[in-house]
Amino acid sequence: MLDKRQLRQWIREQKKLSDPLLRERQSEAITQTVLHHPHVRTAKVILLYKALPDEVETQMLLDQLEEEGKTVLLPVVIGPDKLELRLYEGIGKMREGTYNIQEPVGKAFLNLAQIDTAVVPGMAFDNTGNRLGRGRGYYDRLLRQMPNCYKIGICFDFQKCPQIPIDPNDVRMDEVITYSLS
């Protein structure tokens, strides 16, 4: 089994080799699956993310959930080891933040216990819900503060691995959604 650093490098290489049109089609299919998911349908407050170019695209998901009247939260990097959640109020109220990620300029959301469902990116996931992030631990620290939140990881099919190396700080997803066009 590869260690975390090696697995991240292998996934980065797979992303470079993957067809952008195929990733776009997979993103659309994953978006539809997430929109129809029972935990998302019944959620009032949802944590999501604004996708980087190599991640499952989330803009349609963000817009649709906001249009449905859901409270949609996005993370904002605060300092070297913390995420703050802010209300997503449309693409027009975003700015480029740390790591060139688009972040909302809305007000901070502090009541983490109100978050019903989290949709989380990752470098890789395994069949038991283990998640490999980018290595900074941002999501693991945040998700530990939301033990009752239903956690959904989303990824491209090549990001699913038989087994992910884990350590005690890693937070497991309740479910992982991907889509294979084959």
Protein backbone atom coordinates (compact mmCIF):
# COMPACT_ATOMS: atom_id res chain seq x y z
CA MET A 1 0.00 0.00 0.00
CA LEU A 2 1.21 3.50 -0.83
CA ASP A 3 1.74 5.96 2.00
CA LYS A 4 -0.27 9.20 2.05
CA ARG A 5 2.35 11.27 0.25
CA GLN A 6 2.76 8.65 -2.50
CA LEU A 7 -0.99 8.25 -2.92
CA ARG A 8 -1.47 12.02 -3.24
CA GLN A 9 1.21 12.11 -5.94
CA TRP A 10 -0.40 9.18 -7.80
CA ILE A 11 -3.82 10.91 -7.71
CA ARG A 12 -2.28 14.19 -8.96
CA GLU A 13 -0.84 12.26 -11.92
CA GLN A 14 -4.22 10.61 -12.62
CA LYS A 15 -5.89 14.02 -12.59
CA LYS A 16 -3.41 15.32 -15.17
CA LEU A 17 -4.07 12.29 -17.38
CA SER A 18 -7.86 12.43 -17.08
CA ASP A 19 -10.01 13.88 -19.84
CA PRO A 20 -11.49 17.27 -18.85
CA LEU A 21 -14.73 16.51 -20.75
CA LEU A 22 -15.08 13.21 -18.91
CA ARG A 23 -14.51 14.99 -15.57
CA GLU A 24 -17.17 17.53 -16.56
CA ARG A 25 -19.69 14.75 -17.37
CA GLN A 26 -18.85 12.98 -14.11
CA SER A 27 -19.29 16.24 -12.19
CA GLU A 28 -22.75 16.70 -13.71
CA ALA A 29 -23.78 13.14 -12.80
CA ILE A 30 -22.40 13.46 -9.26
CA THR A 31 -24.24 16.78 -8.86
CA GLN A 32 -27.55 15.13 -9.78
CA THR A 33 -26.92 12.27 -7.37
CA VAL A 34 -26.12 14.70 -4.56
CA LEU A 35 -29.17 16.88 -5.30
CA HIS A 36 -31.45 13.84 -5.02
CA HIS A 37 -29.75 12.35 -1.97
CA PRO A 38 -32.17 11.96 0.99
CA HIS A 39 -29.79 13.65 3.45
CA VAL A 40 -29.38 16.62 1.11
CA ARG A 41 -33.12 16.82 0.31
CA THR A 42 -34.03 17.04 4.01
CA ALA A 43 -31.10 19.20 5.13
CA LYS A 44 -31.67 22.80 6.07
CA VAL A 45 -27.98 23.69 6.50
CA ILE A 46 -25.36 22.19 4.16
CA LEU A 47 -21.59 22.54 4.16
CA LEU A 48 -20.20 22.44 0.64
CA TYR A 49 -16.99 23.60 -1.06
CA LYS A 50 -16.06 25.74 -4.03
CA ALA A 51 -14.19 23.39 -6.34
CA LEU A 52 -10.63 23.80 -7.46
CA PRO A 53 -10.06 23.06 -11.18
CA ASP A 54 -9.06 19.45 -10.44
CA GLU A 55 -12.04 18.65 -8.17
CA VAL A 56 -15.64 17.64 -8.79
CA GLU A 57 -17.27 20.90 -9.94
CA THR A 58 -19.79 22.27 -7.42
CA GLN A 59 -21.09 25.56 -8.86
CA MET A 60 -24.35 24.08 -10.15
CA LEU A 61 -24.84 22.34 -6.82
CA LEU A 62 -24.20 25.57 -4.90
CA ASP A 63 -26.64 27.54 -7.02
CA GLN A 64 -29.38 24.90 -6.97
CA LEU A 65 -29.23 24.41 -3.20
CA GLU A 66 -29.26 28.16 -2.61
CA GLU A 67 -32.23 28.51 -4.99
CA GLU A 68 -34.05 25.81 -3.00
CA GLY A 69 -33.73 27.99 0.09
CA LYS A 70 -31.10 25.91 1.87
CA THR A 71 -28.47 27.58 4.00
CA VAL A 72 -25.26 26.78 2.11
CA LEU A 73 -21.93 27.23 3.85
CA LEU A 74 -18.45 27.33 2.35
CA PRO A 75 -15.12 27.12 4.15
CA VAL A 76 -12.71 30.03 4.30
CA VAL A 77 -9.08 29.43 5.27
CA ILE A 78 -8.20 31.42 8.40
CA GLY A 79 -4.53 31.20 9.29
CA PRO A 80 -2.33 28.14 8.87
CA ASP A 81 -4.64 25.55 10.43
CA LYS A 82 -8.26 26.67 10.62
CA LEU A 83 -11.35 26.90 8.46
CA GLU A 84 -14.13 29.36 9.17
CA LEU A 85 -17.54 28.76 7.59
CA ARG A 86 -19.37 31.54 5.80
CA LEU A 87 -22.74 31.82 4.19
CA TYR A 88 -22.76 31.41 0.41
CA GLU A 89 -24.79 34.28 -1.06
CA GLY A 90 -24.13 33.78 -4.76
CA ILE A 91 -21.16 33.87 -7.07
CA GLY A 92 -21.16 37.68 -7.03
CA LYS A 93 -20.24 37.72 -3.35
CA MET A 94 -17.05 35.69 -3.64
CA ARG A 95 -13.38 36.67 -3.66
CA GLU A 96 -10.15 34.82 -4.26
CA GLY A 97 -8.72 33.64 -0.97
CA THR A 98 -5.92 31.42 0.27
CA TYR A 99 -4.70 28.75 -2.18
CA ASN A 100 -6.54 30.64 -4.98
CA ILE A 101 -9.86 29.23 -3.78
CA GLN A 102 -12.99 31.30 -4.28
CA GLU A 103 -14.38 32.16 -0.83
CA PRO A 104 -17.59 33.86 0.25
CA VAL A 105 -17.41 37.31 1.76
CA GLY A 106 -20.61 36.72 3.74
CA LYS A 107 -20.87 36.56 7.49
CA ALA A 108 -19.30 33.82 9.56
CA PHE A 109 -21.48 30.89 10.57
CA LEU A 110 -20.63 29.77 14.08
CA ASN A 111 -23.28 27.22 15.09
CA LEU A 112 -21.70 24.05 13.69
CA ALA A 113 -24.32 21.90 15.44
CA GLN A 114 -26.92 23.21 12.96
CA ILE A 115 -25.14 21.70 9.96
CA ASP A 116 -27.14 18.70 8.78
CA THR A 117 -24.99 17.49 5.89
CA ALA A 118 -21.44 18.12 4.68
CA VAL A 119 -20.33 17.47 1.10
CA VAL A 120 -16.56 17.16 1.20
CA PRO A 121 -13.79 16.94 -1.41
CA GLY A 122 -10.74 14.71 -1.10
CA MET A 123 -7.71 13.52 -2.96
CA ALA A 124 -8.91 9.93 -2.56
CA PHE A 125 -11.51 7.84 -0.74
CA ASP A 126 -11.84 4.15 -0.03
CA ASN A 127 -14.88 1.86 0.16
CA THR A 128 -15.20 2.26 3.92
CA GLY A 129 -15.38 6.07 3.76
CA ASN A 130 -11.80 6.86 4.69
CA ARG A 131 -10.67 10.12 3.12
CA LEU A 132 -7.26 11.35 2.04
CA GLY A 133 -7.13 15.15 1.96
CA ARG A 134 -4.47 17.45 0.61
CA GLY A 135 -2.38 17.07 3.75
CA ARG A 136 -3.14 20.11 5.87
CA GLY A 137 -5.87 18.56 8.05
CA TYR A 138 -8.33 21.44 7.60
CA TYR A 139 -11.39 19.27 7.01
CA ASP A 140 -10.49 16.70 9.65
CA ARG A 141 -10.27 19.41 12.33
CA LEU A 142 -13.53 20.98 11.14
CA LEU A 143 -15.49 17.74 10.79
CA ARG A 144 -14.49 16.59 14.29
CA GLN A 145 -16.48 19.58 15.56
CA MET A 146 -19.60 18.24 13.79
CA PRO A 147 -20.02 14.64 14.97
CA ASN A 148 -23.76 14.51 14.20
CA CYS A 149 -23.45 15.87 10.66
CA TYR A 150 -23.90 13.38 7.79
CA LYS A 151 -20.65 13.45 5.80
CA ILE A 152 -20.62 12.76 2.06
CA GLY A 153 -17.35 12.60 0.14
CA ILE A 154 -17.49 13.21 -3.61
CA CYS A 155 -14.81 12.33 -6.13
CA PHE A 156 -14.05 11.17 -9.65
CA ASP A 157 -14.01 7.41 -10.14
CA PHE A 158 -10.19 7.25 -10.40
CA GLN A 159 -9.99 8.75 -6.90
CA LYS A 160 -11.60 5.69 -5.32
CA CYS A 161 -8.99 3.34 -3.87
CA PRO A 162 -9.29 -0.07 -2.24
CA GLN A 163 -7.68 1.21 0.95
CA ILE A 164 -6.53 4.60 2.23
CA PRO A 165 -3.82 4.84 4.89
CA ILE A 166 -5.36 6.47 7.96
CA ASP A 167 -4.26 7.88 11.28
CA PRO A 168 -6.25 8.67 14.45
CA ASN A 169 -6.96 12.28 13.36
CA ASP A 170 -8.70 11.29 10.12
CA VAL A 171 -12.50 11.65 9.96
CA ARG A 172 -14.39 8.98 8.05
CA MET A 173 -17.19 9.84 5.63
CA ASP A 174 -20.62 8.29 6.09
CA GLU A 175 -20.82 7.80 2.33
CA VAL A 176 -18.77 8.43 -0.82
CA ILE A 177 -20.43 9.38 -4.11
CA THR A 178 -18.66 8.97 -7.43
CA TYR A 179 -19.73 8.17 -10.95
CA SER A 180 -18.23 5.91 -13.55
CA LEU A 181 -19.23 6.33 -17.19
CA SER A 182 -17.95 2.88 -18.13
